[in-house]
Protein backbone atom coordinates (compact mmCIF):
# COMPACT_ATOMS: atom_id res chain seq x y z
CA MET A 1 136.22 -148.05 -4.86
CA ARG A 2 138.58 -148.11 -2.23
CA SER A 3 138.13 -144.43 -1.37
CA ILE A 4 134.39 -144.97 -1.81
CA SER A 5 134.80 -147.82 1.29
CA CYS A 6 137.48 -145.47 3.21
CA HIS A 7 134.53 -142.83 3.43
CA LEU A 8 132.19 -144.81 4.35
CA ARG A 9 134.27 -145.98 7.23
CA GLN A 10 135.27 -142.46 8.16
CA SER A 11 131.45 -141.21 7.78
CA GLN A 12 130.22 -144.37 10.26
CA LYS A 13 133.21 -143.28 12.92
CA MET A 14 132.06 -139.78 13.04
CA ASP A 15 128.51 -140.87 13.32
CA ALA A 16 129.28 -143.10 16.20
CA LEU A 17 131.43 -140.09 17.75
CA GLY A 18 128.43 -137.67 17.14
CA ARG A 19 126.18 -139.96 19.25
CA LEU A 20 128.43 -140.40 22.01
CA ALA A 21 129.17 -136.52 21.87
CA GLY A 22 125.37 -135.85 21.63
CA GLY A 23 124.48 -138.04 24.56
CA VAL A 24 127.38 -136.72 26.85
CA ALA A 25 125.61 -133.49 26.20
CA HIS A 26 122.27 -134.06 26.77
CA ASP A 27 122.89 -135.62 30.16
CA PHE A 28 125.66 -132.74 31.14
CA ASN A 29 122.99 -129.86 30.05
CA ASN A 30 120.67 -131.25 32.44
CA LEU A 31 123.45 -130.89 35.22
CA LEU A 32 124.71 -127.33 34.06
CA THR A 33 120.77 -126.42 34.55
CA VAL A 34 120.92 -127.44 38.11
CA ILE A 35 124.17 -125.62 38.41
CA LYS A 36 123.52 -122.39 36.63
CA GLY A 37 120.33 -122.01 38.31
CA ASN A 38 120.66 -122.42 41.60
CA THR A 39 123.83 -119.82 41.31
CA ASP A 40 121.35 -117.59 40.11
CA LEU A 41 119.17 -118.21 42.61
CA ALA A 42 121.84 -117.65 45.35
CA LEU A 43 122.89 -114.42 43.85
CA ASP A 44 119.57 -113.14 44.45
CA GLN A 45 120.27 -113.56 48.10
CA ILE A 46 123.61 -112.69 48.31
CA LYS A 47 124.48 -108.84 48.80
CA PRO A 48 127.13 -107.19 46.33
CA THR A 49 129.80 -106.53 49.63
CA GLU A 50 129.42 -110.09 50.78
CA PRO A 51 132.80 -112.48 49.84
CA ALA A 52 130.55 -115.18 48.64
CA ARG A 53 129.25 -113.19 45.59
CA ALA A 54 132.65 -113.63 43.90
CA ASN A 55 132.61 -116.97 44.03
CA CYS A 56 128.95 -117.58 42.71
CA GLU A 57 129.82 -115.50 40.03
CA GLN A 58 132.96 -117.11 39.34
CA ILE A 59 130.53 -120.30 39.38
CA SER A 60 128.08 -119.17 36.87
CA LYS A 61 130.81 -118.10 34.62
CA VAL A 62 132.35 -121.16 34.36
CA ALA A 63 128.76 -122.64 33.78
CA ASP A 64 128.37 -120.50 30.77
CA ARG A 65 131.96 -121.72 29.37
CA ALA A 66 130.65 -125.36 29.94
CA ALA A 67 127.42 -124.76 28.15
CA SER A 68 129.51 -123.21 25.25
CA LEU A 69 131.24 -126.45 25.05
CA THR A 70 127.97 -128.30 25.02
CA ARG A 71 127.05 -126.49 22.16
CA GLN A 72 129.67 -127.18 20.37
CA LEU A 73 129.59 -130.70 20.64
CA LEU A 74 126.11 -130.73 20.11
CA ALA A 75 126.84 -128.92 16.62
CA PHE A 76 129.39 -131.98 16.21
CA SER A 77 126.79 -134.13 17.02
CA ARG A 78 123.88 -132.82 14.87
CA ARG A 79 121.68 -132.63 17.31
CA GLN A 80 121.89 -128.93 18.16
CA LEU A 81 118.61 -126.37 17.70
CA LEU A 82 118.78 -124.80 13.71
CA GLN A 83 116.90 -121.77 12.81
CA PRO A 84 117.12 -121.79 9.29
CA ARG A 85 116.31 -118.86 7.01
CA VAL A 86 116.52 -118.30 3.14
CA LEU A 87 120.26 -116.46 2.52
CA ASP A 88 122.26 -114.86 0.29
CA LEU A 89 126.13 -115.95 1.10
CA ASN A 90 127.47 -112.85 -0.45
CA ASP A 91 125.63 -110.91 2.25
CA LEU A 92 126.53 -112.91 5.35
CA VAL A 93 130.32 -113.34 4.22
CA MET A 94 130.61 -109.73 3.80
CA GLU A 95 129.19 -109.02 7.18
CA SER A 96 130.89 -111.50 8.68
CA SER A 97 134.18 -110.33 6.73
CA ARG A 98 134.30 -106.89 8.95
CA LEU A 99 134.47 -109.07 12.03
CA LEU A 100 137.13 -111.70 10.69
CA LYS A 101 139.35 -109.25 9.72
CA ARG A 102 139.97 -107.56 12.91
CA LEU A 103 140.74 -111.22 14.31
CA LEU A 104 143.59 -111.25 11.80
CA ARG A 105 147.23 -110.46 12.57
CA GLU A 106 148.86 -107.57 10.43
CA ASP A 107 151.13 -110.31 8.55
CA ILE A 108 148.21 -111.97 7.03
CA GLU A 109 146.66 -110.53 3.57
CA PHE A 110 142.74 -111.09 3.62
CA ASN A 111 140.56 -111.10 0.63
CA VAL A 112 137.18 -111.88 -0.05
CA THR A 113 135.66 -112.66 -3.44
CA PHE A 114 132.27 -112.79 -4.43
CA GLY A 115 130.43 -115.23 -7.08
CA GLU A 116 128.06 -113.27 -9.38
CA SER A 117 124.06 -114.18 -9.13
CA LEU A 118 124.84 -116.11 -6.12
CA GLY A 119 122.03 -118.73 -5.23
CA ARG A 120 119.83 -118.87 -2.24
CA VAL A 121 120.23 -121.20 0.35
CA LEU A 122 118.46 -122.37 3.48
CA ALA A 123 120.54 -122.61 6.43
CA ASP A 124 121.20 -121.01 10.12
CA PRO A 125 123.09 -117.29 9.84
CA GLY A 126 124.11 -117.96 13.22
CA GLN A 127 125.39 -121.23 12.41
CA ILE A 128 127.35 -120.35 8.93
CA GLU A 129 129.07 -117.34 10.67
CA GLN A 130 130.58 -119.68 13.49
CA VAL A 131 131.63 -122.04 10.47
CA LEU A 132 133.38 -118.66 8.79
CA LEU A 133 134.55 -118.05 12.15
CA ASN A 134 136.20 -121.21 13.15
CA LEU A 135 138.02 -121.82 9.55
CA THR A 136 139.19 -118.50 9.68
CA VAL A 137 140.86 -118.94 13.19
CA ASN A 138 142.48 -122.05 12.41
CA ALA A 139 143.56 -120.54 8.92
CA ALA A 140 145.18 -117.76 10.57
CA ASP A 141 147.07 -120.65 13.40
CA ALA A 142 148.14 -122.50 10.43
CA MET A 143 150.38 -119.05 9.11
CA PRO A 144 152.26 -118.59 12.46
CA VAL A 145 154.73 -116.27 10.40
CA GLY A 146 151.86 -114.55 7.90
CA GLY A 147 150.45 -115.48 4.66
CA THR A 148 147.33 -114.84 2.67
CA LEU A 149 143.63 -115.93 3.45
CA LEU A 150 141.31 -116.12 1.05
CA ILE A 151 137.00 -116.66 1.04
CA GLU A 152 135.49 -116.96 -1.87
CA THR A 153 132.10 -117.86 -2.95
CA HIS A 154 130.32 -119.71 -6.03
CA ASN A 155 127.57 -121.09 -7.89
CA VAL A 156 128.46 -124.71 -8.28
CA ILE A 157 126.63 -127.46 -10.22
CA VAL A 158 127.45 -131.15 -9.02
CA ASP A 159 127.08 -133.63 -11.60
CA GLU A 160 126.75 -137.68 -11.72
CA ARG A 161 130.20 -138.10 -12.37
CA TYR A 162 131.69 -135.76 -9.70
CA ALA A 163 129.36 -137.18 -7.56
CA THR A 164 130.02 -140.59 -7.69
CA LYS A 165 133.93 -139.34 -7.00
CA HIS A 166 133.04 -137.76 -4.08
CA GLN A 167 130.68 -139.83 -1.92
CA PRO A 168 128.08 -138.81 -0.23
CA VAL A 169 127.74 -135.57 -2.33
CA LYS A 170 124.93 -135.55 -4.18
CA PRO A 171 124.28 -134.26 -7.68
CA GLY A 172 122.16 -130.97 -8.00
CA ARG A 173 122.79 -127.00 -7.58
CA TYR A 174 124.94 -125.89 -4.65
CA VAL A 175 126.67 -122.73 -3.37
CA MET A 176 129.93 -123.17 -2.43
CA PHE A 177 132.08 -121.19 0.18
CA ALA A 178 135.69 -121.78 0.64
CA VAL A 179 138.29 -120.65 2.97
CA THR A 180 142.13 -121.06 1.68
CA ASP A 181 145.29 -120.15 3.62
CA SER A 182 148.86 -120.11 2.52
CA GLY A 183 149.84 -121.99 5.81
CA SER A 184 151.83 -125.18 6.57
CA GLY A 185 149.14 -127.52 5.34
CA MET A 186 148.31 -131.02 6.88
CA THR A 187 149.59 -134.80 6.51
CA PRO A 188 147.54 -137.26 5.30
CA GLU A 189 147.52 -138.61 8.64
CA ILE A 190 146.43 -135.07 10.41
CA LYS A 191 143.98 -134.68 7.49
CA ALA A 192 142.23 -138.26 8.18
CA ARG A 193 141.16 -137.25 11.66
CA ILE A 194 140.70 -132.98 11.55
CA PHE A 195 136.72 -133.68 12.20
CA GLU A 196 137.17 -135.77 15.04
CA PRO A 197 136.16 -134.00 18.43
CA PHE A 198 139.27 -133.35 20.61
CA PHE A 199 141.77 -133.86 18.45
CA THR A 200 144.08 -131.40 17.87
CA THR A 201 147.53 -130.67 16.79
CA LYS A 202 147.83 -127.18 19.01
CA GLU A 203 149.74 -127.25 22.31
CA PRO A 204 148.07 -128.09 25.57
CA GLY A 205 145.79 -125.25 26.50
CA LYS A 206 146.11 -123.86 23.53
CA GLY A 207 142.66 -125.26 21.69
CA THR A 208 139.80 -127.45 22.55
CA GLY A 209 139.90 -129.75 19.37
CA LEU A 210 136.03 -128.85 18.83
CA GLY A 211 136.63 -125.81 16.10
CA LEU A 212 136.35 -128.29 13.08
CA ALA A 213 134.10 -130.72 14.89
CA THR A 214 131.46 -128.15 15.17
CA VAL A 215 132.13 -127.17 11.75
CA TYR A 216 131.81 -130.90 10.46
CA GLY A 217 128.39 -130.98 12.61
CA ILE A 218 126.79 -127.62 11.37
CA VAL A 219 127.55 -128.39 7.72
CA ASN A 220 126.10 -131.85 7.88
CA GLN A 221 123.33 -130.73 9.71
CA SER A 222 122.56 -127.86 7.12
CA SER A 223 122.46 -131.09 4.67
CA GLY A 224 125.59 -129.63 3.06
CA TYR A 225 129.09 -131.04 2.26
CA ILE A 226 132.90 -130.36 3.28
CA ARG A 227 135.75 -131.01 0.89
CA VAL A 228 139.60 -130.70 2.22
CA ASP A 229 142.34 -129.88 0.04
CA SER A 230 145.85 -130.07 1.83
CA SER A 231 149.02 -131.05 1.89
CA PRO A 232 152.38 -130.01 3.90
CA GLY A 233 153.62 -126.72 2.91
CA THR A 234 151.22 -125.88 0.15
CA GLY A 235 148.09 -124.51 2.47
CA THR A 236 144.92 -125.88 3.06
CA ARG A 237 141.22 -125.05 1.51
CA PHE A 238 137.73 -126.27 2.82
CA GLU A 239 135.06 -125.89 0.53
CA ILE A 240 131.82 -126.10 1.96
CA TYR A 241 128.73 -127.23 -0.44
CA LEU A 242 125.15 -126.07 0.69
CA PRO A 243 121.98 -126.77 -1.61
CA GLN A 244 120.64 -124.25 -3.20
CA THR A 245 116.60 -123.24 -2.64
CA ASP A 246 114.27 -121.71 -4.81
CA GLN A 247 112.35 -119.93 -2.07
CA GLN A 248 112.95 -116.14 -2.18
CA LEU A 249 114.50 -113.99 0.42
CA PRO A 250 112.24 -112.66 3.18
CA SER A 251 111.48 -109.08 3.16
CA THR A 252 113.03 -106.61 5.31
CA ILE A 253 110.20 -105.29 7.82
CA ALA A 254 111.95 -102.28 9.67
CA SER A 255 109.99 -102.85 12.96
CA ALA A 256 111.24 -103.49 16.39
CA SER A 257 108.98 -105.86 18.70
CA THR A 258 108.84 -105.49 22.09
CA ALA A 259 109.49 -108.45 24.42
CA ALA A 260 106.50 -109.87 26.21
CA GLN A 261 106.33 -109.31 29.88
CA PRO A 262 105.43 -112.40 31.79
CA ARG A 263 101.99 -112.50 32.85
CA ARG A 264 100.95 -113.57 36.54
CA GLY A 265 98.80 -116.23 38.17
CA GLU A 266 98.43 -119.12 35.02
CA THR A 267 98.81 -122.57 36.39
CA VAL A 268 101.52 -124.30 34.77
CA LEU A 269 102.20 -128.21 34.34
CA ILE A 270 105.97 -129.21 34.58
CA ALA A 271 106.28 -132.31 33.01
CA GLU A 272 110.16 -133.24 33.67
CA ASP A 273 112.00 -136.79 34.88
CA GLU A 274 115.21 -135.13 36.29
CA ASP A 275 114.09 -134.27 40.11
CA ALA A 276 116.75 -131.63 40.32
CA VAL A 277 115.57 -129.53 37.01
CA ARG A 278 112.15 -130.17 37.91
CA ALA A 279 112.46 -128.65 41.26
CA LEU A 280 114.60 -125.84 39.67
CA ALA A 281 111.73 -125.09 37.25
CA CYS A 282 109.37 -124.93 39.82
CA GLU A 283 110.56 -122.68 42.27
CA PHE A 284 111.66 -120.44 39.17
CA LEU A 285 108.04 -120.27 37.85
CA GLN A 286 106.54 -119.80 41.53
CA SER A 287 108.72 -116.78 42.40
CA ALA A 288 107.42 -115.06 39.49
CA GLY A 289 103.78 -115.62 40.60
CA TYR A 290 102.45 -118.67 38.64
CA GLN A 291 100.50 -121.86 39.79
CA VAL A 292 102.84 -124.50 39.50
CA LEU A 293 101.82 -128.47 39.09
CA THR A 294 104.76 -131.10 38.42
CA ALA A 295 104.85 -134.64 36.83
CA ALA A 296 107.76 -136.74 37.24
CA ASP A 297 106.49 -138.34 33.70
CA GLY A 298 104.26 -138.14 31.09
CA LEU A 299 101.54 -140.33 32.18
CA GLU A 300 101.78 -138.37 35.58
CA ALA A 301 101.42 -135.22 33.83
CA LEU A 302 98.31 -136.51 32.06
CA GLU A 303 96.36 -137.86 35.01
CA ILE A 304 96.77 -134.44 36.63
CA ALA A 305 95.77 -132.44 33.51
CA ASP A 306 92.59 -135.04 33.07
CA ARG A 307 91.88 -134.37 36.79
CA LEU A 308 91.77 -130.70 36.68
CA ASN A 309 89.73 -130.39 33.44
CA GLY A 310 90.92 -126.92 32.21
CA ALA A 311 92.85 -125.35 34.69
CA ILE A 312 95.91 -125.68 32.97
CA GLN A 313 97.25 -122.72 30.65
CA ILE A 314 100.31 -123.95 29.81
CA LEU A 315 102.47 -127.38 29.85
CA VAL A 316 106.42 -127.00 29.95
CA THR A 317 107.66 -130.45 28.93
CA ASP A 318 110.96 -132.33 28.63
CA VAL A 319 110.98 -134.20 25.16
CA VAL A 320 112.16 -137.70 26.65
CA MET A 321 110.61 -138.73 29.62
CA PRO A 322 109.66 -142.46 30.58
CA ARG A 323 106.17 -143.97 30.29
CA MET A 324 105.25 -141.15 27.68
CA ARG A 325 107.59 -138.86 25.95
CA GLY A 326 106.46 -135.12 25.74
CA PRO A 327 105.21 -134.75 22.13
CA GLU A 328 102.67 -137.50 23.17
CA LEU A 329 101.78 -135.96 26.13
CA ALA A 330 101.23 -132.81 24.54
CA ARG A 331 99.00 -133.77 21.58
CA ARG A 332 97.12 -135.87 23.86
CA ILE A 333 96.30 -132.77 26.45
CA GLN A 334 95.63 -130.32 23.66
CA GLN A 335 93.01 -133.08 21.76
CA LYS A 336 91.22 -132.27 24.98
CA LEU A 337 92.01 -128.86 26.17
CA PRO A 338 92.95 -126.99 22.93
CA HIS A 339 93.44 -123.70 24.57
CA VAL A 340 96.76 -125.30 26.26
CA LYS A 341 100.00 -123.47 25.07
CA VAL A 342 103.37 -125.58 25.15
CA VAL A 343 106.64 -125.56 25.91
CA PHE A 344 109.14 -128.25 25.37
CA ILE A 345 112.65 -128.05 26.84
CA SER A 346 115.49 -130.71 26.18
CA GLY A 347 119.34 -130.82 26.05
CA TYR A 348 119.37 -131.27 22.38
CA THR A 349 116.79 -131.49 19.29
CA GLU A 350 116.29 -134.84 18.01
CA GLU A 351 116.84 -136.42 14.59
CA ILE A 352 113.66 -137.28 13.22
CA HIS A 353 113.40 -139.78 10.18
CA GLY A 354 117.44 -139.07 9.18
CA THR A 355 116.76 -135.40 9.86
CA THR A 356 116.94 -132.71 12.51
CA ASN A 357 114.21 -131.16 13.42
CA ALA A 358 114.44 -127.10 13.87
CA ILE A 359 111.81 -125.83 16.27
CA GLY A 360 110.02 -122.61 16.16
CA GLU A 361 111.73 -120.39 19.01
CA ASN A 362 108.60 -119.79 20.57
CA SER A 363 107.98 -123.58 21.54
CA PHE A 364 111.19 -124.73 22.52
CA LEU A 365 113.90 -123.89 25.52
CA GLN A 366 117.43 -125.18 25.08
CA LYS A 367 118.91 -126.74 28.34
CA PRO A 368 120.71 -125.16 30.26
CA PHE A 369 118.20 -122.40 30.64
CA SER A 370 118.43 -119.41 33.23
CA ARG A 371 115.70 -118.31 35.00
CA ALA A 372 115.02 -115.06 32.93
CA GLN A 373 114.93 -117.52 29.57
CA LEU A 374 112.29 -119.81 30.85
CA LEU A 375 109.84 -116.89 32.36
CA GLN A 376 110.48 -115.02 28.70
CA LYS A 377 109.48 -118.43 26.91
CA LEU A 378 106.41 -118.54 28.95
CA ALA A 379 105.69 -114.96 28.11
CA ASP A 380 106.07 -115.66 24.21
CA ALA A 381 103.76 -118.84 24.43
CA LEU A 382 100.86 -117.14 26.47
CA HIS A 383 100.99 -114.23 24.38
CA SER A 384 101.08 -116.26 21.19
CA THR A 385 98.41 -115.63 18.72
CA LYS A 386 99.33 -118.97 16.70
CA PRO A 387 96.70 -121.56 16.89
CA PRO A 388 96.84 -123.56 20.04
CA LYS A 389 97.32 -126.95 18.26
CA SER A 390 101.55 -127.50 18.26
CA ARG A 391 102.60 -128.51 14.78
CA TYR A 392 106.09 -129.82 16.65
CA ALA A 393 104.11 -132.38 18.75
CA GLU A 394 103.06 -134.39 15.54
CA LYS A 395 106.88 -134.50 14.44
CA PHE A 396 108.30 -134.98 18.10
CA ALA A 397 105.92 -138.47 18.18
CA SER A 398 107.80 -140.32 15.49
CA VAL A 399 111.33 -139.65 17.60
CA ASN A 400 112.56 -143.32 18.48
């Protein structure tokens, strides 16, 4: 009972830290959208030979690095955008191991073993690759004078007895992949804090302290679990448990799709409560030839749509706004104007009834976004042959 109570307190602590990290990342993404967007606009007006161009390019690079940090915070807080697919982890590990091997020093022996008849999982392949990368880099850092690193996959059945001793793991069928090193290991005090954001035992400037926090967030958002075995001098083993799925692997279609090019002249309604983000998006779209209408909240946007009575082709709306949220706005506009397409924008995808919603890529744009990303997203939405009724609006409408 004591271990269960300690785990509960740790889980509550991590949840509170996750909420804080998600909130910070959300606000910071709005700022980065404006910083990077205006930098892109400035670069269009500065000749390559002008000294100021190098300054703007440096701002853009730093903004990209800051955006990468916020993505890690969102991963930890379980508020990132996931695009899950049915995966065979053996295939993913085999492909990833080619890159991982190149990252390791020659004094580290690298081995991979694959479980037979491995079950399928439903997960975002890019995020699982990130988990493998972070764990591999950490393992290498724990072996400064060399050692062995093993990645392995197995089918695992968790019974009631095991689940009771290792809460919050639930009974069921899982695919487990593990990363084991022969490094220095960890003390119980360090092990208890390894998933906290910005906690690191590395020297200043050697790490952000977000690597394992990112792993924690990705695995939890993928409905999985992490188990860590480590003690000083015995190395460390991370086990990741992902639920098996009965869904079949998608068939491979060998056809390359051509990115849709933006059309011109359509009327776009932008609903965004952040003044700077709204002004930036308006400038992006007007420069591309769109007719643009703007609203500072959902009710104002709804009034504009009612007044124009059908002249709007696409709605670009923030998810969270005062007076009326974006999903409710989209639902009410599409009730009267079913031809209107919708693109949601947000600093993070929010949790709905305890699970994080994975949004179709043609209907969501993550902040911070560039002009090219916004224009491409609108082109994708306008060329979409899917029914105009947004299936995401109903899901989003229940967000608190």
